[in-house]
Amino acid sequence: IRRNEAMLQAMIANINDVITIVDEHGIINYKSSNVTKLFGWMPEDLIGRSYIETAHPEDRGMLEKEFNMLLLEESAQT
């Protein structure tokens, strides 16, 4: 398990994307460190905030729609 965890952490640290984990309310629980390199934000400053606050205003409607669709799919599967 530790080896797999170390491998996942190395992958996250070395990709060119930002990984964000949010709860069912859209609150950020995790933001990968690449957010600093790409956007200048510190991950710890984003934890506890709504994901929608960090999105470009033009993208917010589409993101909210996709997020709500994911929630509906998840609730249909349980």
N, C-alpha and C. Protein backbone atom coordinates (compact mmCIF):
# COMPACT_ATOMS: atom_id res chain seq x y z
N ILE A 1 0.83 -1.19 0.00
CA ILE A 1 0.00 0.00 0.00
C ILE A 1 0.87 1.25 0.00
N ARG A 2 1.93 1.26 0.81
CA ARG A 2 2.81 2.43 0.87
C ARG A 2 3.49 2.69 -0.47
N ARG A 3 3.90 1.61 -1.13
CA ARG A 3 4.56 1.78 -2.43
C ARG A 3 3.59 2.37 -3.45
N ASN A 4 2.35 1.87 -3.45
CA ASN A 4 1.33 2.41 -4.36
C ASN A 4 1.02 3.86 -4.04
N GLU A 5 0.94 4.18 -2.76
CA GLU A 5 0.67 5.55 -2.36
C GLU A 5 1.80 6.49 -2.80
N ALA A 6 3.04 6.05 -2.64
CA ALA A 6 4.19 6.85 -3.07
C ALA A 6 4.18 7.04 -4.58
N MET A 7 3.81 6.00 -5.31
CA MET A 7 3.74 6.09 -6.77
C MET A 7 2.65 7.08 -7.20
N LEU A 8 1.49 7.02 -6.56
CA LEU A 8 0.42 7.96 -6.88
C LEU A 8 0.81 9.40 -6.56
N GLN A 9 1.47 9.61 -5.44
CA GLN A 9 1.92 10.96 -5.09
C GLN A 9 2.93 11.48 -6.11
N ALA A 10 3.83 10.62 -6.57
CA ALA A 10 4.81 11.02 -7.58
C ALA A 10 4.12 11.35 -8.89
N MET A 11 3.11 10.58 -9.27
CA MET A 11 2.38 10.86 -10.50
C MET A 11 1.66 12.20 -10.41
N ILE A 12 1.00 12.46 -9.30
CA ILE A 12 0.28 13.71 -9.12
C ILE A 12 1.24 14.89 -9.17
N ALA A 13 2.40 14.74 -8.56
CA ALA A 13 3.37 15.83 -8.52
C ALA A 13 3.98 16.12 -9.88
N ASN A 14 3.96 15.16 -10.79
CA ASN A 14 4.66 15.31 -12.06
C ASN A 14 3.76 15.46 -13.28
N ILE A 15 2.47 15.53 -13.10
CA ILE A 15 1.60 15.75 -14.25
C ILE A 15 1.43 17.25 -14.47
N ASN A 16 0.97 17.62 -15.62
CA ASN A 16 0.80 19.03 -15.97
C ASN A 16 -0.61 19.55 -15.69
N ASP A 17 -1.42 18.77 -15.02
CA ASP A 17 -2.79 19.16 -14.72
C ASP A 17 -2.95 19.41 -13.22
N VAL A 18 -4.03 20.05 -12.87
CA VAL A 18 -4.38 20.25 -11.47
C VAL A 18 -5.46 19.24 -11.11
N ILE A 19 -5.25 18.52 -10.04
CA ILE A 19 -6.24 17.57 -9.56
C ILE A 19 -6.98 18.21 -8.39
N THR A 20 -8.30 18.17 -8.47
CA THR A 20 -9.14 18.74 -7.43
C THR A 20 -10.12 17.67 -6.97
N ILE A 21 -10.26 17.54 -5.67
CA ILE A 21 -11.26 16.63 -5.10
C ILE A 21 -12.24 17.49 -4.32
N VAL A 22 -13.51 17.34 -4.65
CA VAL A 22 -14.57 18.10 -3.97
C VAL A 22 -15.57 17.14 -3.36
N ASP A 23 -16.28 17.62 -2.34
CA ASP A 23 -17.33 16.79 -1.74
C ASP A 23 -18.64 17.01 -2.50
N GLU A 24 -19.71 16.41 -2.02
CA GLU A 24 -21.00 16.48 -2.71
C GLU A 24 -21.61 17.88 -2.70
N HIS A 25 -21.03 18.77 -1.91
CA HIS A 25 -21.50 20.15 -1.86
C HIS A 25 -20.64 21.08 -2.72
N GLY A 26 -19.62 20.51 -3.36
CA GLY A 26 -18.73 21.31 -4.19
C GLY A 26 -17.63 21.99 -3.43
N ILE A 27 -17.38 21.56 -2.20
CA ILE A 27 -16.33 22.15 -1.37
C ILE A 27 -15.02 21.40 -1.64
N ILE A 28 -13.97 22.15 -1.87
CA ILE A 28 -12.67 21.56 -2.20
C ILE A 28 -12.07 20.90 -0.95
N ASN A 29 -11.74 19.61 -1.10
CA ASN A 29 -11.07 18.86 -0.04
C ASN A 29 -9.59 18.65 -0.34
N TYR A 30 -9.24 18.73 -1.61
CA TYR A 30 -7.84 18.54 -2.03
C TYR A 30 -7.61 19.29 -3.32
N LYS A 31 -6.45 19.89 -3.42
CA LYS A 31 -6.02 20.56 -4.66
C LYS A 31 -4.55 20.24 -4.82
N SER A 32 -4.15 19.69 -5.95
CA SER A 32 -2.75 19.31 -6.14
C SER A 32 -1.85 20.54 -6.20
N SER A 33 -0.59 20.32 -5.91
CA SER A 33 0.36 21.42 -5.82
C SER A 33 0.62 22.11 -7.16
N ASN A 34 0.26 21.48 -8.28
CA ASN A 34 0.44 22.11 -9.59
C ASN A 34 -0.38 23.38 -9.73
N VAL A 35 -1.36 23.58 -8.88
CA VAL A 35 -2.17 24.79 -8.93
C VAL A 35 -1.30 26.03 -8.68
N THR A 36 -0.23 25.86 -7.91
CA THR A 36 0.68 26.98 -7.65
C THR A 36 1.45 27.34 -8.91
N LYS A 37 2.00 26.33 -9.57
CA LYS A 37 2.79 26.57 -10.78
C LYS A 37 1.93 27.12 -11.91
N LEU A 38 0.72 26.61 -12.06
CA LEU A 38 -0.12 27.01 -13.18
C LEU A 38 -0.92 28.28 -12.93
N PHE A 39 -1.36 28.51 -11.69
CA PHE A 39 -2.25 29.64 -11.41
C PHE A 39 -1.77 30.58 -10.31
N GLY A 40 -0.72 30.18 -9.59
CA GLY A 40 -0.19 31.02 -8.53
C GLY A 40 -0.90 30.91 -7.20
N TRP A 41 -1.85 29.98 -7.07
CA TRP A 41 -2.58 29.79 -5.82
C TRP A 41 -1.89 28.71 -4.98
N MET A 42 -1.97 28.86 -3.69
CA MET A 42 -1.47 27.83 -2.79
C MET A 42 -2.62 26.86 -2.51
N PRO A 43 -2.38 25.55 -2.62
CA PRO A 43 -3.46 24.58 -2.42
C PRO A 43 -4.18 24.76 -1.09
N GLU A 44 -3.43 25.02 -0.04
CA GLU A 44 -4.05 25.14 1.29
C GLU A 44 -4.98 26.35 1.39
N ASP A 45 -4.80 27.34 0.53
CA ASP A 45 -5.70 28.50 0.53
C ASP A 45 -7.05 28.18 -0.12
N LEU A 46 -7.11 27.08 -0.86
CA LEU A 46 -8.32 26.72 -1.58
C LEU A 46 -9.16 25.67 -0.87
N ILE A 47 -8.54 24.94 0.05
CA ILE A 47 -9.26 23.91 0.79
C ILE A 47 -10.38 24.57 1.60
N GLY A 48 -11.56 24.00 1.50
CA GLY A 48 -12.71 24.53 2.23
C GLY A 48 -13.53 25.54 1.44
N ARG A 49 -13.05 25.93 0.27
CA ARG A 49 -13.79 26.87 -0.57
C ARG A 49 -14.58 26.10 -1.61
N SER A 50 -15.56 26.75 -2.19
CA SER A 50 -16.34 26.14 -3.27
C SER A 50 -15.50 26.08 -4.53
N TYR A 51 -15.57 24.96 -5.24
CA TYR A 51 -14.82 24.82 -6.49
C TYR A 51 -15.21 25.90 -7.49
N ILE A 52 -16.45 26.34 -7.45
CA ILE A 52 -16.95 27.30 -8.42
C ILE A 52 -16.28 28.66 -8.26
N GLU A 53 -15.83 28.98 -7.05
CA GLU A 53 -15.13 30.24 -6.81
C GLU A 53 -13.81 30.32 -7.57
N THR A 54 -13.21 29.16 -7.83
CA THR A 54 -11.89 29.15 -8.47
C THR A 54 -11.98 29.03 -9.98
N ALA A 55 -13.18 28.87 -10.50
CA ALA A 55 -13.37 28.71 -11.94
C ALA A 55 -13.49 30.07 -12.63
N HIS A 56 -13.10 30.10 -13.87
CA HIS A 56 -13.27 31.31 -14.68
C HIS A 56 -14.76 31.59 -14.79
N PRO A 57 -15.17 32.85 -14.67
CA PRO A 57 -16.60 33.18 -14.71
C PRO A 57 -17.32 32.62 -15.94
N GLU A 58 -16.67 32.57 -17.08
CA GLU A 58 -17.31 32.06 -18.29
C GLU A 58 -17.53 30.55 -18.23
N ASP A 59 -16.80 29.85 -17.36
CA ASP A 59 -16.90 28.40 -17.27
C ASP A 59 -17.83 27.93 -16.16
N ARG A 60 -18.27 28.82 -15.30
CA ARG A 60 -19.02 28.43 -14.12
C ARG A 60 -20.35 27.73 -14.44
N GLY A 61 -21.10 28.23 -15.40
CA GLY A 61 -22.37 27.60 -15.74
C GLY A 61 -22.19 26.17 -16.21
N MET A 62 -21.23 25.96 -17.10
CA MET A 62 -20.96 24.61 -17.61
C MET A 62 -20.48 23.69 -16.49
N LEU A 63 -19.61 24.19 -15.61
CA LEU A 63 -19.11 23.37 -14.50
C LEU A 63 -20.23 22.99 -13.54
N GLU A 64 -21.09 23.93 -13.22
CA GLU A 64 -22.20 23.62 -12.32
C GLU A 64 -23.13 22.57 -12.93
N LYS A 65 -23.38 22.69 -14.23
CA LYS A 65 -24.23 21.72 -14.92
C LYS A 65 -23.60 20.33 -14.87
N GLU A 66 -22.31 20.23 -15.18
CA GLU A 66 -21.61 18.94 -15.16
C GLU A 66 -21.56 18.37 -13.75
N PHE A 67 -21.30 19.22 -12.77
CA PHE A 67 -21.24 18.76 -11.38
C PHE A 67 -22.58 18.19 -10.95
N ASN A 68 -23.66 18.88 -11.27
CA ASN A 68 -24.99 18.40 -10.91
C ASN A 68 -25.34 17.10 -11.62
N MET A 69 -24.90 16.95 -12.86
CA MET A 69 -25.13 15.70 -13.58
C MET A 69 -24.37 14.55 -12.90
N LEU A 70 -23.16 14.80 -12.47
CA LEU A 70 -22.39 13.77 -11.75
C LEU A 70 -23.09 13.37 -10.45
N LEU A 71 -23.61 14.34 -9.74
CA LEU A 71 -24.34 14.04 -8.50
C LEU A 71 -25.57 13.18 -8.77
N LEU A 72 -26.29 13.49 -9.85
CA LEU A 72 -27.46 12.69 -10.20
C LEU A 72 -27.08 11.27 -10.58
N GLU A 73 -26.01 11.13 -11.35
CA GLU A 73 -25.53 9.78 -11.72
C GLU A 73 -25.13 8.99 -10.49
N GLU A 74 -24.42 9.65 -9.57
CA GLU A 74 -23.97 8.98 -8.35
C GLU A 74 -25.16 8.53 -7.52
N SER A 75 -26.16 9.38 -7.38
CA SER A 75 -27.33 9.01 -6.56
C SER A 75 -28.15 7.91 -7.24
N ALA A 76 -28.13 7.85 -8.55
CA ALA A 76 -28.85 6.79 -9.27
C ALA A 76 -28.17 5.44 -9.09
N GLN A 77 -26.86 5.45 -8.87
CA GLN A 77 -26.11 4.20 -8.72
C GLN A 77 -26.19 3.64 -7.31
N THR A 78 -26.60 4.44 -6.36
CA THR A 78 -26.65 3.95 -4.98
C THR A 78 -28.04 3.53 -4.58
